[in-house]
């Protein structure tokens, strides 16, 4: 929680976890895409990051991740 003015709180530097997110995206983009070329609509990195966020939010099945 920020104990300074609201302007300072909105512009404070990102936390260590937020800085590591870009490293996670870089690691996921290095993975080879096993999908067929015709079936690709979204980059694999964005699909994996969306699934990871759903799991962190509490999704416990593939159906819950898809929703």
C-alpha atoms as a PDB file:
ATOM      1  CA  UNK A   1       0.000   0.000   0.000  1.00  0.00           C
ATOM      2  CA  UNK A   2       1.340   3.394  -0.955  1.00  0.00           C
ATOM      3  CA  UNK A   3       1.490   6.021   1.790  1.00  0.00           C
ATOM      4  CA  UNK A   4       2.422   8.899  -0.482  1.00  0.00           C
ATOM      5  CA  UNK A   5       0.276  11.056  -2.707  1.00  0.00           C
ATOM      6  CA  UNK A   6      -1.928   9.379  -5.320  1.00  0.00           C
ATOM      7  CA  UNK A   7       0.194  10.723  -8.182  1.00  0.00           C
ATOM      8  CA  UNK A   8       3.329   9.116  -6.792  1.00  0.00           C
ATOM      9  CA  UNK A   9       1.491   5.837  -6.213  1.00  0.00           C
ATOM     10  CA  UNK A  10       0.304   5.702  -9.815  1.00  0.00           C
ATOM     11  CA  UNK A  11       3.789   6.221 -11.201  1.00  0.00           C
ATOM     12  CA  UNK A  12       5.864   4.061  -8.862  1.00  0.00           C
ATOM     13  CA  UNK A  13       8.248   1.528 -10.349  1.00  0.00           C
ATOM     14  CA  UNK A  14       7.002  -2.016 -11.051  1.00  0.00           C
ATOM     15  CA  UNK A  15       7.513  -4.729  -8.470  1.00  0.00           C
ATOM     16  CA  UNK A  16       9.909  -7.631  -8.930  1.00  0.00           C
ATOM     17  CA  UNK A  17       7.034  -9.925  -9.944  1.00  0.00           C
ATOM     18  CA  UNK A  18       5.873  -7.468 -12.610  1.00  0.00           C
ATOM     19  CA  UNK A  19       9.388  -7.188 -14.019  1.00  0.00           C
ATOM     20  CA  UNK A  20       9.667 -10.991 -14.193  1.00  0.00           C
ATOM     21  CA  UNK A  21       6.505 -11.204 -16.298  1.00  0.00           C
ATOM     22  CA  UNK A  22       8.368  -9.991 -19.385  1.00  0.00           C
ATOM     23  CA  UNK A  23      10.980 -12.709 -18.788  1.00  0.00           C
ATOM     24  CA  UNK A  24       8.168 -15.265 -18.646  1.00  0.00           C
ATOM     25  CA  UNK A  25       6.762 -14.034 -21.957  1.00  0.00           C
ATOM     26  CA  UNK A  26      10.218 -14.203 -23.530  1.00  0.00           C
ATOM     27  CA  UNK A  27      10.658 -17.790 -22.354  1.00  0.00           C
ATOM     28  CA  UNK A  28       7.237 -18.786 -23.680  1.00  0.00           C
ATOM     29  CA  UNK A  29       7.942 -17.196 -27.066  1.00  0.00           C
ATOM     30  CA  UNK A  30      11.009 -19.448 -27.399  1.00  0.00           C
ATOM     31  CA  UNK A  31       8.787 -22.566 -27.429  1.00  0.00           C
ATOM     32  CA  UNK A  32       8.062 -24.207 -30.766  1.00  0.00           C
ATOM     33  CA  UNK A  33       4.426 -24.104 -31.863  1.00  0.00           C
ATOM     34  CA  UNK A  34       3.033 -27.645 -32.329  1.00  0.00           C
ATOM     35  CA  UNK A  35      -0.177 -26.454 -33.993  1.00  0.00           C
ATOM     36  CA  UNK A  36      -0.798 -26.819 -37.709  1.00  0.00           C
ATOM     37  CA  UNK A  37      -0.311 -23.666 -39.753  1.00  0.00           C
ATOM     38  CA  UNK A  38      -3.967 -23.528 -40.827  1.00  0.00           C
ATOM     39  CA  UNK A  39      -5.202 -23.685 -37.233  1.00  0.00           C
ATOM     40  CA  UNK A  40      -3.255 -20.705 -35.906  1.00  0.00           C
ATOM     41  CA  UNK A  41      -5.320 -17.633 -35.133  1.00  0.00           C
ATOM     42  CA  UNK A  42      -3.468 -16.323 -32.090  1.00  0.00           C
ATOM     43  CA  UNK A  43       0.235 -16.428 -31.223  1.00  0.00           C
ATOM     44  CA  UNK A  44       1.164 -19.344 -28.969  1.00  0.00           C
ATOM     45  CA  UNK A  45       2.680 -16.973 -26.415  1.00  0.00           C
ATOM     46  CA  UNK A  46      -0.606 -15.130 -25.895  1.00  0.00           C
ATOM     47  CA  UNK A  47      -2.539 -18.403 -25.593  1.00  0.00           C
ATOM     48  CA  UNK A  48      -0.123 -19.742 -22.968  1.00  0.00           C
ATOM     49  CA  UNK A  49      -0.059 -16.487 -20.997  1.00  0.00           C
ATOM     50  CA  UNK A  50      -3.865 -16.366 -20.982  1.00  0.00           C
ATOM     51  CA  UNK A  51      -4.033 -19.958 -19.729  1.00  0.00           C
ATOM     52  CA  UNK A  52      -1.427 -19.224 -17.044  1.00  0.00           C
ATOM     53  CA  UNK A  53      -3.403 -16.184 -15.857  1.00  0.00           C
ATOM     54  CA  UNK A  54      -6.592 -18.271 -15.700  1.00  0.00           C
ATOM     55  CA  UNK A  55      -4.849 -20.902 -13.576  1.00  0.00           C
ATOM     56  CA  UNK A  56      -3.468 -18.234 -11.257  1.00  0.00           C
ATOM     57  CA  UNK A  57      -6.994 -16.836 -10.947  1.00  0.00           C
ATOM     58  CA  UNK A  58      -8.284 -20.211  -9.789  1.00  0.00           C
ATOM     59  CA  UNK A  59      -9.226 -22.206 -12.885  1.00  0.00           C
ATOM     60  CA  UNK A  60      -8.952 -25.930 -12.165  1.00  0.00           C
ATOM     61  CA  UNK A  61      -9.874 -27.495 -15.535  1.00  0.00           C
ATOM     62  CA  UNK A  62      -9.499 -26.926 -19.264  1.00  0.00           C
ATOM     63  CA  UNK A  63     -13.143 -25.904 -19.398  1.00  0.00           C
ATOM     64  CA  UNK A  64     -12.604 -23.277 -16.714  1.00  0.00           C
ATOM     65  CA  UNK A  65      -9.531 -21.954 -18.543  1.00  0.00           C
ATOM     66  CA  UNK A  66     -11.552 -21.664 -21.760  1.00  0.00           C
ATOM     67  CA  UNK A  67     -14.271 -19.665 -20.074  1.00  0.00           C
END
